[in-house]
Amino acid sequence: MVVTNQTEHILKIGSKGEIFPPKEVRELLGLTNNQTIILTIHREKLVIRKLHSLNDILKKPAKVTISRHAWKEFRKKLAEDAEQ
């Protein structure tokens, strides 16, 4: 999911340094309990991204389709190029 509108949320840091995103944010990003995320520091900004599991990635439909014939031709070309 790509969030196109920039939104701001005010958060507090917990006593142990935890950051608790509001329910609205967790739902918007599809974050669940024990979800692994990536935290990037860019200048004075924290960027938080969901780290997708391999299963999540494999569930998404392919962006490109290719016929069996085209796949065979592609593999043949790769093999020829590797021999050279």
C-alpha atoms as a PDB file:
ATOM      1  CA  MET A   1       0.000   0.000   0.000  1.00  0.00           C
ATOM      2  CA  VAL A   2       1.330   3.426  -0.883  1.00  0.00           C
ATOM      3  CA  VAL A   3       0.126   6.383   1.133  1.00  0.00           C
ATOM      4  CA  THR A   4      -0.104   9.350  -1.200  1.00  0.00           C
ATOM      5  CA  ASN A   5      -1.315  11.995   1.231  1.00  0.00           C
ATOM      6  CA  GLN A   6       1.188  13.292   3.740  1.00  0.00           C
ATOM      7  CA  THR A   7      -0.255  13.144   7.228  1.00  0.00           C
ATOM      8  CA  GLU A   8       1.161  14.044  10.588  1.00  0.00           C
ATOM      9  CA  HIS A   9       0.526  12.384  13.921  1.00  0.00           C
ATOM     10  CA  ILE A  10       1.779  13.521  17.310  1.00  0.00           C
ATOM     11  CA  LEU A  11       3.270  10.664  19.311  1.00  0.00           C
ATOM     12  CA  LYS A  12       4.886  10.414  22.702  1.00  0.00           C
ATOM     13  CA  ILE A  13       7.966   8.395  23.486  1.00  0.00           C
ATOM     14  CA  GLY A  14       7.353   5.782  26.198  1.00  0.00           C
ATOM     15  CA  SER A  15       9.403   5.483  29.383  1.00  0.00           C
ATOM     16  CA  LYS A  16      11.618   2.841  27.726  1.00  0.00           C
ATOM     17  CA  GLY A  17      11.986   4.773  24.455  1.00  0.00           C
ATOM     18  CA  GLU A  18       9.128   2.991  22.669  1.00  0.00           C
ATOM     19  CA  ILE A  19       7.200   4.672  19.878  1.00  0.00           C
ATOM     20  CA  PHE A  20       3.522   3.772  19.739  1.00  0.00           C
ATOM     21  CA  PRO A  21       1.828   4.597  16.420  1.00  0.00           C
ATOM     22  CA  PRO A  22      -1.910   5.228  16.753  1.00  0.00           C
ATOM     23  CA  LYS A  23      -4.363   2.533  15.677  1.00  0.00           C
ATOM     24  CA  GLU A  24      -5.277   4.578  12.581  1.00  0.00           C
ATOM     25  CA  VAL A  25      -1.651   4.543  11.415  1.00  0.00           C
ATOM     26  CA  ARG A  26      -1.185   0.818  12.145  1.00  0.00           C
ATOM     27  CA  GLU A  27      -4.329  -0.023  10.197  1.00  0.00           C
ATOM     28  CA  LEU A  28      -3.401   2.249   7.283  1.00  0.00           C
ATOM     29  CA  LEU A  29       0.015   0.589   6.954  1.00  0.00           C
ATOM     30  CA  GLY A  30      -1.213  -2.920   7.726  1.00  0.00           C
ATOM     31  CA  LEU A  31       1.041  -3.255  10.775  1.00  0.00           C
ATOM     32  CA  THR A  32       0.312  -6.108  13.169  1.00  0.00           C
ATOM     33  CA  ASN A  33       1.665  -7.225  16.539  1.00  0.00           C
ATOM     34  CA  ASN A  34       5.300  -8.299  16.327  1.00  0.00           C
ATOM     35  CA  GLN A  35       5.516  -6.847  12.807  1.00  0.00           C
ATOM     36  CA  THR A  36       9.080  -6.264  11.656  1.00  0.00           C
ATOM     37  CA  ILE A  37       9.662  -2.734  10.404  1.00  0.00           C
ATOM     38  CA  ILE A  38      12.584  -0.764   9.024  1.00  0.00           C
ATOM     39  CA  LEU A  39      13.470   2.524  10.686  1.00  0.00           C
ATOM     40  CA  THR A  40      15.569   4.902   8.593  1.00  0.00           C
ATOM     41  CA  ILE A  41      17.034   8.124   9.910  1.00  0.00           C
ATOM     42  CA  HIS A  42      17.205  10.825   7.240  1.00  0.00           C
ATOM     43  CA  ARG A  43      18.542  14.121   8.554  1.00  0.00           C
ATOM     44  CA  GLU A  44      16.117  14.908  11.394  1.00  0.00           C
ATOM     45  CA  LYS A  45      13.365  12.587  10.136  1.00  0.00           C
ATOM     46  CA  LEU A  46      12.464   9.042  11.092  1.00  0.00           C
ATOM     47  CA  VAL A  47      11.083   7.011   8.213  1.00  0.00           C
ATOM     48  CA  ILE A  48       9.291   3.816   9.207  1.00  0.00           C
ATOM     49  CA  ARG A  49       8.546   1.177   6.584  1.00  0.00           C
ATOM     50  CA  LYS A  50       6.922  -2.208   6.844  1.00  0.00           C
ATOM     51  CA  LEU A  51       9.313  -5.070   6.125  1.00  0.00           C
ATOM     52  CA  HIS A  52       7.403  -7.499   3.927  1.00  0.00           C
ATOM     53  CA  SER A  53       7.880 -11.216   4.438  1.00  0.00           C
ATOM     54  CA  LEU A  54       8.651 -13.514   1.528  1.00  0.00           C
ATOM     55  CA  ASN A  55       5.105 -14.894   1.807  1.00  0.00           C
ATOM     56  CA  ASP A  56       3.682 -11.353   1.479  1.00  0.00           C
ATOM     57  CA  ILE A  57       5.766 -10.772  -1.633  1.00  0.00           C
ATOM     58  CA  LEU A  58       4.818 -14.089  -3.230  1.00  0.00           C
ATOM     59  CA  LYS A  59       1.103 -13.437  -2.633  1.00  0.00           C
ATOM     60  CA  LYS A  60       1.203 -10.319  -4.810  1.00  0.00           C
ATOM     61  CA  PRO A  61       0.291 -10.850  -8.453  1.00  0.00           C
ATOM     62  CA  ALA A  62       3.135 -10.647 -10.934  1.00  0.00           C
ATOM     63  CA  LYS A  63       3.470  -7.299 -12.689  1.00  0.00           C
ATOM     64  CA  VAL A  64       4.543  -8.975 -15.905  1.00  0.00           C
ATOM     65  CA  THR A  65       3.166 -11.982 -17.701  1.00  0.00           C
ATOM     66  CA  ILE A  66       5.093 -13.998 -20.235  1.00  0.00           C
ATOM     67  CA  SER A  67       4.008 -16.836 -22.488  1.00  0.00           C
ATOM     68  CA  ARG A  68       5.641 -20.248 -22.226  1.00  0.00           C
ATOM     69  CA  HIS A  69       7.079 -19.819 -25.724  1.00  0.00           C
ATOM     70  CA  ALA A  70       8.581 -16.413 -24.872  1.00  0.00           C
ATOM     71  CA  TRP A  71      10.070 -17.864 -21.665  1.00  0.00           C
ATOM     72  CA  LYS A  72      11.734 -20.687 -23.608  1.00  0.00           C
ATOM     73  CA  GLU A  73      13.156 -18.190 -26.113  1.00  0.00           C
ATOM     74  CA  PHE A  74      14.427 -16.010 -23.294  1.00  0.00           C
ATOM     75  CA  ARG A  75      16.189 -18.957 -21.600  1.00  0.00           C
ATOM     76  CA  LYS A  76      17.668 -20.017 -24.952  1.00  0.00           C
ATOM     77  CA  LYS A  77      19.053 -16.493 -25.484  1.00  0.00           C
ATOM     78  CA  LEU A  78      20.507 -16.437 -21.965  1.00  0.00           C
ATOM     79  CA  ALA A  79      22.273 -19.742 -22.580  1.00  0.00           C
ATOM     80  CA  GLU A  80      23.676 -18.479 -25.885  1.00  0.00           C
ATOM     81  CA  ASP A  81      24.925 -15.286 -24.264  1.00  0.00           C
ATOM     82  CA  ALA A  82      26.562 -17.259 -21.444  1.00  0.00           C
ATOM     83  CA  GLU A  83      28.509 -19.353 -23.963  1.00  0.00           C
ATOM     84  CA  GLN A  84      30.046 -16.284 -25.618  1.00  0.00           C
END
